[in-house]
Amino acid sequence: MSGASPTVCLITDFGTEDPYVGQVKGVVSQLCGDINIIDLFHGVPKYNAKALAYLLPNLVQTFTSGTVFLCVVDPGVGSERPASVLEVDGRWFVGPGNGIFELLSRRSKKQSRWWEIVWSPPHLSASFHGRDLFAPIASFLAIGGNPEDEGRCKRKKGTESHYAHWPDDLAEIVYIDTFSNAIIGYRWKFIAESWRIIIGGHDLARGRTFSDLPPGTPFCYENSMGLLEIAMNQGRAAEFLNLFVGSSITFQDTV
């Protein structure tokens, strides 16, 4: 890693008011020593692995090769769901095998590589794999470890086929931020100029940025991550339009 301190980015649905993020960071810092720990996003809609699947490729695109992402949205924690390691375009991802890495793998520039975590620590809480299982594995990768060292992980072939039916882009709201802007799991570059964009019976205008529209006017635009977003200049679009995570958007071709 060219002498630079390793970087572990945390992405969870934990929020920041409870002790869980701090406990995970404590494990990583103890195992890695001099490390950059980035709290990238702890506001993933709770229990919503599918929402994270469509956010994740766009959240991580600015990070360099070698970065490790510890991703925990895990409603099936303690069950028979697999625990996964994925290498995509030089970046590492550690977390539950519940579909959160499906779109990352599908959109990778090179062939992605998958492993299943088969190692178990001396103490493994049935309800906190983020701290006890995923954090140690992410830490080991961050300091240059091979996932197969000492039998920690077993190489898998192919991708998470259980989620192959998920579309390449999702015409649903996957996140609403604190400004009440609604992010759609659909990449803007695949939205034709001729398409009308409709949600909740509202035919949305298009803009480049907030000030393109008068205050209080809902509109849609390409956000900084390259996704379709519904916003309002100096207003709260999701509240105004009565939108929620999971609300569907409709495209109508005018040609």
Protein backbone atom coordinates (compact mmCIF):
# COMPACT_ATOMS: atom_id res chain seq x y z
CA MET A 1 0.00 0.00 0.00
CA SER A 2 2.95 2.29 -0.77
CA GLY A 3 3.74 2.88 2.90
CA ALA A 4 0.40 4.58 3.53
CA SER A 5 -1.70 3.62 6.52
CA PRO A 6 -4.40 1.11 5.60
CA THR A 7 -7.96 2.38 5.29
CA VAL A 8 -11.11 0.67 6.52
CA CYS A 9 -14.44 2.29 5.66
CA LEU A 10 -17.52 1.44 7.71
CA ILE A 11 -20.96 1.24 6.10
CA THR A 12 -23.83 0.10 8.34
CA ASP A 13 -27.44 0.60 9.35
CA PHE A 14 -26.36 1.07 12.98
CA GLY A 15 -26.88 4.82 13.23
CA THR A 16 -24.55 6.78 15.51
CA GLU A 17 -26.47 7.02 18.79
CA ASP A 18 -25.80 3.47 19.99
CA PRO A 19 -22.43 1.95 21.00
CA TYR A 20 -22.19 -0.49 18.07
CA VAL A 21 -20.11 1.63 15.69
CA GLY A 22 -17.64 2.41 18.46
CA GLN A 23 -17.30 -1.27 19.34
CA VAL A 24 -16.54 -2.20 15.74
CA LYS A 25 -14.00 0.61 15.43
CA GLY A 26 -12.38 -0.50 18.66
CA VAL A 27 -11.75 -3.99 17.26
CA VAL A 28 -10.34 -2.63 14.00
CA SER A 29 -8.04 -0.13 15.71
CA GLN A 30 -6.67 -2.74 18.12
CA LEU A 31 -5.94 -5.22 15.34
CA CYS A 32 -4.54 -2.75 12.81
CA GLY A 33 -2.71 -0.17 14.90
CA ASP A 34 -1.96 2.83 12.68
CA ILE A 35 -5.03 2.87 10.47
CA ASN A 36 -7.48 5.25 8.86
CA ILE A 37 -11.03 4.37 9.90
CA ILE A 38 -13.66 6.25 7.92
CA ASP A 39 -17.28 6.37 9.04
CA LEU A 40 -18.55 6.45 5.49
CA PHE A 41 -22.24 5.83 6.11
CA HIS A 42 -24.21 4.59 9.11
CA GLY A 43 -27.65 5.61 7.86
CA VAL A 44 -28.48 2.77 5.48
CA PRO A 45 -32.24 2.12 5.81
CA LYS A 46 -32.49 -0.39 8.62
CA TYR A 47 -32.57 -4.08 7.66
CA ASN A 48 -32.66 -3.08 3.97
CA ALA A 49 -29.91 -5.08 2.26
CA LYS A 50 -31.38 -4.36 -1.16
CA ALA A 51 -31.17 -0.59 -0.63
CA LEU A 52 -27.48 -0.89 0.23
CA ALA A 53 -26.86 -3.08 -2.83
CA TYR A 54 -27.91 -0.20 -5.10
CA LEU A 55 -26.15 2.51 -3.09
CA LEU A 56 -22.84 0.74 -2.55
CA PRO A 57 -21.29 0.87 -6.05
CA ASN A 58 -21.77 4.64 -6.12
CA LEU A 59 -20.64 5.23 -2.53
CA VAL A 60 -17.23 3.62 -3.04
CA GLN A 61 -16.25 4.82 -6.51
CA THR A 62 -13.84 7.55 -5.33
CA PHE A 63 -11.77 5.26 -3.08
CA THR A 64 -8.44 3.84 -4.16
CA SER A 65 -7.38 0.25 -4.66
CA GLY A 66 -6.58 -1.48 -1.39
CA THR A 67 -9.36 0.17 0.61
CA VAL A 68 -11.35 -2.26 2.76
CA PHE A 69 -15.08 -1.73 3.22
CA LEU A 70 -16.73 -3.29 6.25
CA CYS A 71 -20.42 -3.40 5.37
CA VAL A 72 -23.06 -4.49 7.86
CA VAL A 73 -26.76 -4.53 7.09
CA ASP A 74 -27.55 -7.92 8.50
CA PRO A 75 -31.13 -8.76 9.48
CA GLY A 76 -30.21 -12.45 9.23
CA VAL A 77 -27.32 -12.24 11.70
CA GLY A 78 -26.78 -15.52 13.53
CA SER A 79 -28.69 -17.53 10.93
CA GLU A 80 -27.37 -19.78 8.17
CA ARG A 81 -26.77 -16.86 5.81
CA PRO A 82 -23.16 -16.91 4.53
CA ALA A 83 -20.43 -14.46 5.52
CA SER A 84 -18.63 -13.03 2.51
CA VAL A 85 -15.44 -11.42 1.29
CA LEU A 86 -15.42 -9.84 -2.16
CA GLU A 87 -12.56 -8.29 -4.12
CA VAL A 88 -13.71 -5.88 -6.84
CA ASP A 89 -11.35 -3.72 -8.89
CA GLY A 90 -8.70 -3.84 -6.16
CA ARG A 91 -11.05 -2.93 -3.30
CA TRP A 92 -12.08 -5.35 -0.55
CA PHE A 93 -15.59 -5.82 0.85
CA VAL A 94 -16.50 -7.78 3.97
CA GLY A 95 -20.00 -8.46 5.22
CA PRO A 96 -23.02 -10.75 5.15
CA GLY A 97 -23.80 -12.69 1.99
CA ASN A 98 -27.33 -11.34 1.72
CA GLY A 99 -27.16 -9.51 -1.60
CA ILE A 100 -25.45 -6.30 -0.50
CA PHE A 101 -22.51 -6.99 -2.85
CA GLU A 102 -24.56 -8.21 -5.84
CA LEU A 103 -24.48 -5.00 -7.88
CA LEU A 104 -20.83 -4.34 -7.05
CA SER A 105 -19.88 -7.69 -8.51
CA ARG A 106 -22.14 -7.33 -11.52
CA ARG A 107 -20.76 -3.91 -12.46
CA SER A 108 -17.08 -4.63 -11.80
CA LYS A 109 -14.62 -3.71 -14.53
CA LYS A 110 -12.70 -6.94 -13.97
CA GLN A 111 -13.74 -10.38 -12.80
CA SER A 112 -14.69 -10.16 -9.13
CA ARG A 113 -13.41 -12.71 -6.64
CA TRP A 114 -15.53 -14.18 -3.85
CA TRP A 115 -14.73 -15.99 -0.63
CA GLU A 116 -16.89 -17.38 2.15
CA ILE A 117 -15.65 -16.73 5.68
CA VAL A 118 -15.27 -20.07 7.43
CA TRP A 119 -13.15 -18.88 10.38
CA SER A 120 -14.81 -18.32 13.72
CA PRO A 121 -13.35 -16.34 16.62
CA PRO A 122 -13.16 -17.76 20.16
CA HIS A 123 -16.16 -15.64 21.09
CA LEU A 124 -18.84 -15.03 18.47
CA SER A 125 -21.97 -13.23 19.54
CA ALA A 126 -25.00 -14.61 17.70
CA SER A 127 -26.29 -11.06 17.28
CA PHE A 128 -23.13 -9.03 16.52
CA HIS A 129 -21.12 -10.52 13.67
CA GLY A 130 -20.11 -7.00 12.66
CA ARG A 131 -17.86 -6.75 15.71
CA ASP A 132 -16.81 -10.37 16.25
CA LEU A 133 -16.51 -11.79 12.73
CA PHE A 134 -16.42 -9.10 10.04
CA ALA A 135 -14.22 -6.58 11.88
CA PRO A 136 -11.33 -9.05 12.45
CA ILE A 137 -11.46 -10.23 8.83
CA ALA A 138 -11.56 -6.66 7.50
CA SER A 139 -8.63 -5.76 9.75
CA PHE A 140 -6.60 -8.71 8.50
CA LEU A 141 -7.19 -7.70 4.88
CA ALA A 142 -6.33 -4.07 5.64
CA ILE A 143 -2.84 -5.01 6.85
CA GLY A 144 -2.22 -7.01 3.68
CA GLY A 145 -3.45 -10.47 4.62
CA ASN A 146 -4.68 -13.02 2.10
CA PRO A 147 -8.26 -14.14 2.83
CA GLU A 148 -7.22 -17.79 2.51
CA ASP A 149 -4.37 -17.53 5.04
CA GLU A 150 -4.77 -20.00 7.92
CA GLY A 151 -8.06 -21.17 6.47
CA ARG A 152 -9.94 -17.97 7.26
CA CYS A 153 -11.91 -17.98 4.02
CA LYS A 154 -12.77 -20.46 1.28
CA ARG A 155 -12.68 -19.36 -2.35
CA LYS A 156 -16.03 -19.43 -4.14
CA LYS A 157 -16.80 -19.60 -7.84
CA GLY A 158 -19.28 -17.27 -9.50
CA THR A 159 -21.47 -14.66 -7.86
CA GLU A 160 -24.39 -14.57 -5.45
CA SER A 161 -26.83 -16.24 -7.82
CA HIS A 162 -29.68 -15.95 -5.30
CA TYR A 163 -29.92 -12.27 -6.26
CA ALA A 164 -29.43 -12.53 -10.03
CA HIS A 165 -33.10 -11.57 -10.49
CA TRP A 166 -32.48 -8.10 -9.05
CA PRO A 167 -32.51 -5.55 -11.90
CA ASP A 168 -29.36 -3.72 -12.98
CA ASP A 169 -31.02 -0.46 -11.88
CA LEU A 170 -33.82 -0.11 -9.35
CA ALA A 171 -36.66 2.36 -9.97
CA GLU A 172 -37.31 2.80 -6.24
CA ILE A 173 -36.22 5.17 -3.51
CA VAL A 174 -33.33 3.60 -1.61
CA TYR A 175 -32.48 6.46 0.75
CA ILE A 176 -33.90 9.76 1.99
CA ASP A 177 -31.30 12.13 3.40
CA THR A 178 -31.63 14.71 6.17
CA PHE A 179 -32.53 17.38 3.60
CA SER A 180 -35.49 15.16 2.60
CA ASN A 181 -33.95 14.50 -0.81
CA ALA A 182 -34.86 11.06 -2.17
CA ILE A 183 -32.17 8.95 -3.85
CA ILE A 184 -33.30 6.40 -6.44
CA GLY A 185 -31.34 3.22 -7.16
CA TYR A 186 -31.17 4.14 -10.85
CA ARG A 187 -28.11 5.50 -12.62
CA TRP A 188 -28.82 8.79 -14.34
CA LYS A 189 -26.78 7.91 -17.42
CA PHE A 190 -29.34 5.26 -18.34
CA ILE A 191 -32.31 7.65 -18.23
CA ALA A 192 -33.24 8.80 -21.73
CA GLU A 193 -33.86 12.47 -22.46
CA SER A 194 -37.25 11.50 -23.87
CA TRP A 195 -38.46 9.89 -20.63
CA ARG A 196 -40.93 11.60 -18.34
CA ILE A 197 -40.05 10.94 -14.69
CA ILE A 198 -43.13 10.45 -12.53
CA ILE A 199 -43.56 9.64 -8.85
CA GLY A 200 -46.68 9.81 -6.72
CA GLY A 201 -48.61 11.29 -9.62
CA HIS A 202 -46.11 14.15 -10.01
CA ASP A 203 -44.42 14.69 -13.36
CA LEU A 204 -41.01 15.99 -12.31
CA ALA A 205 -39.05 18.70 -14.03
CA ARG A 206 -35.36 18.10 -14.63
CA GLY A 207 -32.59 20.33 -13.38
CA ARG A 208 -28.82 20.42 -13.17
CA THR A 209 -28.68 21.77 -9.61
CA PHE A 210 -31.01 23.18 -6.95
CA SER A 211 -30.95 26.81 -8.05
CA ASP A 212 -32.15 25.88 -11.55
CA LEU A 213 -35.69 25.73 -10.15
CA PRO A 214 -37.66 28.28 -8.10
CA PRO A 215 -37.71 27.68 -4.32
CA GLY A 216 -40.33 25.12 -3.34
CA THR A 217 -40.35 23.34 -6.71
CA PRO A 218 -39.72 19.57 -6.68
CA PHE A 219 -37.48 18.32 -9.47
CA CYS A 220 -35.06 15.53 -10.34
CA TYR A 221 -31.39 15.66 -11.21
CA GLU A 222 -28.18 13.64 -11.36
CA ASN A 223 -26.70 13.69 -7.88
CA SER A 224 -23.00 13.72 -7.03
CA MET A 225 -22.88 9.90 -7.04
CA GLY A 226 -24.41 9.61 -10.50
CA LEU A 227 -27.83 8.47 -9.27
CA LEU A 228 -31.28 9.89 -9.93
CA GLU A 229 -32.36 12.08 -7.03
CA ILE A 230 -35.56 13.97 -6.23
CA ALA A 231 -35.02 17.28 -4.49
CA MET A 232 -36.53 20.71 -3.91
CA ASN A 233 -34.76 24.06 -3.95
CA GLN A 234 -34.72 25.18 -0.30
CA GLY A 235 -37.44 22.68 0.56
CA ARG A 236 -38.11 19.11 1.64
CA ALA A 237 -39.06 17.09 -1.42
CA ALA A 238 -39.79 13.71 0.17
CA GLU A 239 -42.07 15.25 2.77
CA PHE A 240 -43.81 17.45 0.21
CA LEU A 241 -44.42 14.52 -2.15
CA ASN A 242 -45.13 12.00 0.66
CA LEU A 243 -42.28 9.70 -0.41
CA PHE A 244 -40.72 6.82 1.49
CA VAL A 245 -37.91 4.31 1.02
CA GLY A 246 -39.39 1.78 -1.38
CA SER A 247 -41.62 4.28 -3.23
CA SER A 248 -41.54 3.46 -6.94
CA ILE A 249 -40.76 5.83 -9.78
CA THR A 250 -42.22 5.53 -13.27
CA PHE A 251 -40.58 6.34 -16.59
CA GLN A 252 -42.75 7.14 -19.61
CA ASP A 253 -41.18 7.49 -23.04
CA THR A 254 -42.58 10.47 -24.92
CA VAL A 255 -41.24 9.36 -28.30
